[in-house]
Amino acid sequence: MFGPLPPIHRALIVAGSLVVFVGICWILAYQSPTVLTVVGPIVGVLLGSLVAWALLHGRQERRPTGR
């Protein structure tokens, strides 16, 4: 599911997902539907973009310059 990630990165992804899920549930319990309708898509796009960047942005290998 997570591809060829090291175990520590898998654990961090799972822990981060759980923290975000619990935080969203906590926020949903105390906010009005009007606020959630406006803020929900914005937060979803930002978090989704951040997670996609974190998963797809690999380490950049330095190539020898030939010096």
PDB file of N, CA and C in Angstrom:
ATOM      1  N   MET A   1       0.811  -1.191   0.000  1.00  0.00           N
ATOM      2  CA  MET A   1       0.000   0.000   0.000  1.00  0.00           C
ATOM      3  C   MET A   1       0.860   1.263   0.000  1.00  0.00           C
ATOM      4  N   PHE A   2       1.931   1.275   0.777  1.00  0.00           N
ATOM      5  CA  PHE A   2       2.778   2.454   0.858  1.00  0.00           C
ATOM      6  C   PHE A   2       3.989   2.372  -0.063  1.00  0.00           C
ATOM      7  N   GLY A   3       4.112   1.306  -0.807  1.00  0.00           N
ATOM      8  CA  GLY A   3       5.234   1.166  -1.719  1.00  0.00           C
ATOM      9  C   GLY A   3       6.498   0.773  -0.979  1.00  0.00           C
ATOM     10  N   PRO A   4       7.623   1.062  -1.568  1.00  0.00           N
ATOM     11  CA  PRO A   4       8.899   0.637  -0.980  1.00  0.00           C
ATOM     12  C   PRO A   4       9.421   1.599   0.088  1.00  0.00           C
ATOM     13  N   LEU A   5       8.581   1.964   1.027  1.00  0.00           N
ATOM     14  CA  LEU A   5       9.013   2.877   2.085  1.00  0.00           C
ATOM     15  C   LEU A   5       9.633   2.094   3.237  1.00  0.00           C
ATOM     16  N   PRO A   6      10.609   2.672   3.887  1.00  0.00           N
ATOM     17  CA  PRO A   6      11.167   2.034   5.085  1.00  0.00           C
ATOM     18  C   PRO A   6      10.095   1.949   6.182  1.00  0.00           C
ATOM     19  N   PRO A   7      10.225   1.001   7.084  1.00  0.00           N
ATOM     20  CA  PRO A   7       9.210   0.826   8.139  1.00  0.00           C
ATOM     21  C   PRO A   7       8.964   2.083   8.974  1.00  0.00           C
ATOM     22  N   ILE A   8       9.998   2.870   9.246  1.00  0.00           N
ATOM     23  CA  ILE A   8       9.795   4.077  10.053  1.00  0.00           C
ATOM     24  C   ILE A   8       8.906   5.080   9.330  1.00  0.00           C
ATOM     25  N   HIS A   9       9.051   5.184   8.012  1.00  0.00           N
ATOM     26  CA  HIS A   9       8.210   6.102   7.251  1.00  0.00           C
ATOM     27  C   HIS A   9       6.769   5.612   7.219  1.00  0.00           C
ATOM     28  N   ARG A  10       6.588   4.312   7.119  1.00  0.00           N
ATOM     29  CA  ARG A  10       5.228   3.750   7.167  1.00  0.00           C
ATOM     30  C   ARG A  10       4.576   4.072   8.501  1.00  0.00           C
ATOM     31  N   ALA A  11       5.327   3.897   9.585  1.00  0.00           N
ATOM     32  CA  ALA A  11       4.788   4.182  10.916  1.00  0.00           C
ATOM     33  C   ALA A  11       4.443   5.663  11.051  1.00  0.00           C
ATOM     34  N   LEU A  12       5.283   6.538  10.505  1.00  0.00           N
ATOM     35  CA  LEU A  12       5.003   7.977  10.576  1.00  0.00           C
ATOM     36  C   LEU A  12       3.760   8.351   9.778  1.00  0.00           C
ATOM     37  N   ILE A  13       3.566   7.711   8.636  1.00  0.00           N
ATOM     38  CA  ILE A  13       2.379   7.986   7.825  1.00  0.00           C
ATOM     39  C   ILE A  13       1.123   7.543   8.571  1.00  0.00           C
ATOM     40  N   VAL A  14       1.175   6.356   9.166  1.00  0.00           N
ATOM     41  CA  VAL A  14       0.019   5.866   9.915  1.00  0.00           C
ATOM     42  C   VAL A  14      -0.263   6.751  11.118  1.00  0.00           C
ATOM     43  N   ALA A  15       0.772   7.123  11.861  1.00  0.00           N
ATOM     44  CA  ALA A  15       0.588   7.982  13.033  1.00  0.00           C
ATOM     45  C   ALA A  15       0.049   9.352  12.628  1.00  0.00           C
ATOM     46  N   GLY A  16       0.586   9.917  11.565  1.00  0.00           N
ATOM     47  CA  GLY A  16       0.087  11.209  11.087  1.00  0.00           C
ATOM     48  C   GLY A  16      -1.354  11.137  10.636  1.00  0.00           C
ATOM     49  N   SER A  17      -1.718  10.064   9.963  1.00  0.00           N
ATOM     50  CA  SER A  17      -3.099   9.890   9.523  1.00  0.00           C
ATOM     51  C   SER A  17      -4.052   9.793  10.712  1.00  0.00           C
ATOM     52  N   LEU A  18      -3.633   9.064  11.745  1.00  0.00           N
ATOM     53  CA  LEU A  18      -4.479   8.945  12.933  1.00  0.00           C
ATOM     54  C   LEU A  18      -4.632  10.289  13.647  1.00  0.00           C
ATOM     55  N   VAL A  19      -3.556  11.053  13.729  1.00  0.00           N
ATOM     56  CA  VAL A  19      -3.630  12.366  14.380  1.00  0.00           C
ATOM     57  C   VAL A  19      -4.574  13.283  13.613  1.00  0.00           C
ATOM     58  N   VAL A  20      -4.465  13.288  12.295  1.00  0.00           N
ATOM     59  CA  VAL A  20      -5.349  14.128  11.479  1.00  0.00           C
ATOM     60  C   VAL A  20      -6.799  13.669  11.622  1.00  0.00           C
ATOM     61  N   PHE A  21      -7.030  12.356  11.611  1.00  0.00           N
ATOM     62  CA  PHE A  21      -8.388  11.837  11.738  1.00  0.00           C
ATOM     63  C   PHE A  21      -9.007  12.230  13.076  1.00  0.00           C
ATOM     64  N   VAL A  22      -8.268  12.048  14.165  1.00  0.00           N
ATOM     65  CA  VAL A  22      -8.788  12.404  15.487  1.00  0.00           C
ATOM     66  C   VAL A  22      -9.017  13.907  15.575  1.00  0.00           C
ATOM     67  N   GLY A  23      -8.102  14.691  15.040  1.00  0.00           N
ATOM     68  CA  GLY A  23      -8.273  16.141  15.048  1.00  0.00           C
ATOM     69  C   GLY A  23      -9.496  16.585  14.271  1.00  0.00           C
ATOM     70  N   ILE A  24      -9.724  15.972  13.120  1.00  0.00           N
ATOM     71  CA  ILE A  24     -10.893  16.328  12.318  1.00  0.00           C
ATOM     72  C   ILE A  24     -12.175  15.941  13.044  1.00  0.00           C
ATOM     73  N   CYS A  25     -12.187  14.762  13.667  1.00  0.00           N
ATOM     74  CA  CYS A  25     -13.370  14.350  14.427  1.00  0.00           C
ATOM     75  C   CYS A  25     -13.642  15.304  15.577  1.00  0.00           C
ATOM     76  N   TRP A  26     -12.591  15.758  16.236  1.00  0.00           N
ATOM     77  CA  TRP A  26     -12.745  16.678  17.352  1.00  0.00           C
ATOM     78  C   TRP A  26     -13.296  18.020  16.867  1.00  0.00           C
ATOM     79  N   ILE A  27     -12.776  18.493  15.737  1.00  0.00           N
ATOM     80  CA  ILE A  27     -13.259  19.757  15.178  1.00  0.00           C
ATOM     81  C   ILE A  27     -14.718  19.625  14.743  1.00  0.00           C
ATOM     82  N   LEU A  28     -15.068  18.507  14.130  1.00  0.00           N
ATOM     83  CA  LEU A  28     -16.443  18.305  13.675  1.00  0.00           C
ATOM     84  C   LEU A  28     -17.433  18.333  14.827  1.00  0.00           C
ATOM     85  N   ALA A  29     -17.015  17.895  15.984  1.00  0.00           N
ATOM     86  CA  ALA A  29     -17.913  17.846  17.135  1.00  0.00           C
ATOM     87  C   ALA A  29     -18.268  19.235  17.646  1.00  0.00           C
ATOM     88  N   TYR A  30     -17.436  20.235  17.362  1.00  0.00           N
ATOM     89  CA  TYR A  30     -17.642  21.558  17.941  1.00  0.00           C
ATOM     90  C   TYR A  30     -17.921  22.673  16.931  1.00  0.00           C
ATOM     91  N   GLN A  31     -18.052  22.361  15.668  1.00  0.00           N
ATOM     92  CA  GLN A  31     -18.258  23.403  14.665  1.00  0.00           C
ATOM     93  C   GLN A  31     -19.646  23.295  14.040  1.00  0.00           C
ATOM     94  N   SER A  32     -20.114  24.399  13.509  1.00  0.00           N
ATOM     95  CA  SER A  32     -21.403  24.403  12.825  1.00  0.00           C
ATOM     96  C   SER A  32     -21.220  23.890  11.398  1.00  0.00           C
ATOM     97  N   PRO A  33     -22.279  23.353  10.808  1.00  0.00           N
ATOM     98  CA  PRO A  33     -22.171  22.844   9.432  1.00  0.00           C
ATOM     99  C   PRO A  33     -21.772  23.915   8.418  1.00  0.00           C
ATOM    100  N   THR A  34     -22.147  25.164   8.643  1.00  0.00           N
ATOM    101  CA  THR A  34     -21.798  26.230   7.707  1.00  0.00           C
ATOM    102  C   THR A  34     -20.285  26.431   7.642  1.00  0.00           C
ATOM    103  N   VAL A  35     -19.647  26.447   8.789  1.00  0.00           N
ATOM    104  CA  VAL A  35     -18.195  26.612   8.830  1.00  0.00           C
ATOM    105  C   VAL A  35     -17.521  25.421   8.167  1.00  0.00           C
ATOM    106  N   LEU A  36     -18.021  24.231   8.425  1.00  0.00           N
ATOM    107  CA  LEU A  36     -17.414  23.027   7.864  1.00  0.00           C
ATOM    108  C   LEU A  36     -17.553  22.973   6.353  1.00  0.00           C
ATOM    109  N   THR A  37     -18.648  23.496   5.830  1.00  0.00           N
ATOM    110  CA  THR A  37     -18.858  23.491   4.381  1.00  0.00           C
ATOM    111  C   THR A  37     -17.829  24.372   3.680  1.00  0.00           C
ATOM    112  N   VAL A  38     -17.444  25.455   4.306  1.00  0.00           N
ATOM    113  CA  VAL A  38     -16.478  26.365   3.708  1.00  0.00           C
ATOM    114  C   VAL A  38     -15.041  25.889   3.957  1.00  0.00           C
ATOM    115  N   VAL A  39     -14.743  25.510   5.177  1.00  0.00           N
ATOM    116  CA  VAL A  39     -13.376  25.182   5.561  1.00  0.00           C
ATOM    117  C   VAL A  39     -12.984  23.762   5.144  1.00  0.00           C
ATOM    118  N   GLY A  40     -13.915  22.837   5.131  1.00  0.00           N
ATOM    119  CA  GLY A  40     -13.629  21.439   4.840  1.00  0.00           C
ATOM    120  C   GLY A  40     -12.907  21.202   3.521  1.00  0.00           C
ATOM    121  N   PRO A  41     -13.443  21.693   2.408  1.00  0.00           N
ATOM    122  CA  PRO A  41     -12.743  21.484   1.135  1.00  0.00           C
ATOM    123  C   PRO A  41     -11.360  22.137   1.077  1.00  0.00           C
ATOM    124  N   ILE A  42     -11.223  23.297   1.693  1.00  0.00           N
ATOM    125  CA  ILE A  42      -9.928  23.982   1.687  1.00  0.00           C
ATOM    126  C   ILE A  42      -8.896  23.155   2.452  1.00  0.00           C
ATOM    127  N   VAL A  43      -9.265  22.703   3.647  1.00  0.00           N
ATOM    128  CA  VAL A  43      -8.353  21.891   4.451  1.00  0.00           C
ATOM    129  C   VAL A  43      -8.066  20.569   3.744  1.00  0.00           C
ATOM    130  N   GLY A  44      -9.072  19.974   3.123  1.00  0.00           N
ATOM    131  CA  GLY A  44      -8.880  18.721   2.408  1.00  0.00           C
ATOM    132  C   GLY A  44      -7.887  18.842   1.264  1.00  0.00           C
ATOM    133  N   VAL A  45      -8.006  19.908   0.497  1.00  0.00           N
ATOM    134  CA  VAL A  45      -7.079  20.117  -0.619  1.00  0.00           C
ATOM    135  C   VAL A  45      -5.665  20.365  -0.103  1.00  0.00           C
ATOM    136  N   LEU A  46      -5.533  21.174   0.936  1.00  0.00           N
ATOM    137  CA  LEU A  46      -4.204  21.466   1.477  1.00  0.00           C
ATOM    138  C   LEU A  46      -3.547  20.217   2.070  1.00  0.00           C
ATOM    139  N   LEU A  47      -4.297  19.466   2.882  1.00  0.00           N
ATOM    140  CA  LEU A  47      -3.722  18.256   3.468  1.00  0.00           C
ATOM    141  C   LEU A  47      -3.436  17.203   2.408  1.00  0.00           C
ATOM    142  N   GLY A  48      -4.332  17.058   1.447  1.00  0.00           N
ATOM    143  CA  GLY A  48      -4.102  16.098   0.369  1.00  0.00           C
ATOM    144  C   GLY A  48      -2.874  16.451  -0.452  1.00  0.00           C
ATOM    145  N   SER A  49      -2.705  17.720  -0.734  1.00  0.00           N
ATOM    146  CA  SER A  49      -1.527  18.154  -1.488  1.00  0.00           C
ATOM    147  C   SER A  49      -0.245  17.925  -0.692  1.00  0.00           C
ATOM    148  N   LEU A  50      -0.294  18.208   0.598  1.00  0.00           N
ATOM    149  CA  LEU A  50       0.869  18.008   1.447  1.00  0.00           C
ATOM    150  C   LEU A  50       1.248  16.530   1.526  1.00  0.00           C
ATOM    151  N   VAL A  51       0.269  15.670   1.705  1.00  0.00           N
ATOM    152  CA  VAL A  51       0.543  14.232   1.779  1.00  0.00           C
ATOM    153  C   VAL A  51       1.062  13.718   0.440  1.00  0.00           C
ATOM    154  N   ALA A  52       0.461  14.151  -0.659  1.00  0.00           N
ATOM    155  CA  ALA A  52       0.930  13.709  -1.978  1.00  0.00           C
ATOM    156  C   ALA A  52       2.361  14.163  -2.220  1.00  0.00           C
ATOM    157  N   TRP A  53       2.677  15.391  -1.854  1.00  0.00           N
ATOM    158  CA  TRP A  53       4.045  15.881  -2.033  1.00  0.00           C
ATOM    159  C   TRP A  53       5.012  15.076  -1.175  1.00  0.00           C
ATOM    160  N   ALA A  54       4.623  14.809   0.083  1.00  0.00           N
ATOM    161  CA  ALA A  54       5.511  14.076   0.987  1.00  0.00           C
ATOM    162  C   ALA A  54       5.755  12.653   0.500  1.00  0.00           C
ATOM    163  N   LEU A  55       4.746  12.028  -0.076  1.00  0.00           N
ATOM    164  CA  LEU A  55       4.905  10.650  -0.537  1.00  0.00           C
ATOM    165  C   LEU A  55       5.654  10.562  -1.857  1.00  0.00           C
ATOM    166  N   LEU A  56       5.466  11.529  -2.724  1.00  0.00           N
ATOM    167  CA  LEU A  56       6.034  11.438  -4.059  1.00  0.00           C
ATOM    168  C   LEU A  56       7.362  12.155  -4.218  1.00  0.00           C
ATOM    169  N   HIS A  57       7.695  13.031  -3.307  1.00  0.00           N
ATOM    170  CA  HIS A  57       8.933  13.802  -3.416  1.00  0.00           C
ATOM    171  C   HIS A  57      10.067  12.981  -2.828  1.00  0.00           C
ATOM    172  N   GLY A  58      10.815  12.327  -3.696  1.00  0.00           N
ATOM    173  CA  GLY A  58      11.919  11.489  -3.240  1.00  0.00           C
ATOM    174  C   GLY A  58      13.160  12.303  -2.984  1.00  0.00           C
ATOM    175  N   ARG A  59      14.129  11.623  -2.420  1.00  0.00           N
ATOM    176  CA  ARG A  59      15.415  12.283  -2.211  1.00  0.00           C
ATOM    177  C   ARG A  59      16.069  12.533  -3.558  1.00  0.00           C
ATOM    178  N   GLN A  60      16.643  13.681  -3.710  1.00  0.00           N
ATOM    179  CA  GLN A  60      17.318  14.004  -4.962  1.00  0.00           C
ATOM    180  C   GLN A  60      18.767  13.548  -4.846  1.00  0.00           C
ATOM    181  N   GLU A  61      19.134  12.672  -5.746  1.00  0.00           N
ATOM    182  CA  GLU A  61      20.503  12.185  -5.731  1.00  0.00           C
ATOM    183  C   GLU A  61      21.393  13.181  -6.460  1.00  0.00           C
ATOM    184  N   ARG A  62      22.518  13.470  -5.885  1.00  0.00           N
ATOM    185  CA  ARG A  62      23.456  14.387  -6.515  1.00  0.00           C
ATOM    186  C   ARG A  62      24.278  13.604  -7.533  1.00  0.00           C
ATOM    187  N   ARG A  63      24.334  14.144  -8.695  1.00  0.00           N
ATOM    188  CA  ARG A  63      25.131  13.516  -9.744  1.00  0.00           C
ATOM    189  C   ARG A  63      26.513  14.143  -9.756  1.00  0.00           C
ATOM    190  N   PRO A  64      27.521  13.345 -10.035  1.00  0.00           N
ATOM    191  CA  PRO A  64      28.869  13.924 -10.091  1.00  0.00           C
ATOM    192  C   PRO A  64      28.976  14.981 -11.186  1.00  0.00           C
ATOM    193  N   THR A  65      29.676  16.039 -10.888  1.00  0.00           N
ATOM    194  CA  THR A  65      29.818  17.128 -11.852  1.00  0.00           C
ATOM    195  C   THR A  65      30.947  16.891 -12.838  1.00  0.00           C
ATOM    196  N   GLY A  66      31.720  15.853 -12.619  1.00  0.00           N
ATOM    197  CA  GLY A  66      32.812  15.546 -13.539  1.00  0.00           C
ATOM    198  C   GLY A  66      34.097  16.293 -13.216  1.00  0.00           C
ATOM    199  N   ARG A  67      34.192  16.857 -12.057  1.00  0.00           N
ATOM    200  CA  ARG A  67      35.406  17.600 -11.694  1.00  0.00           C
ATOM    201  C   ARG A  67      36.431  16.681 -11.110  1.00  0.00           C
TER     202      ARG A  67
END
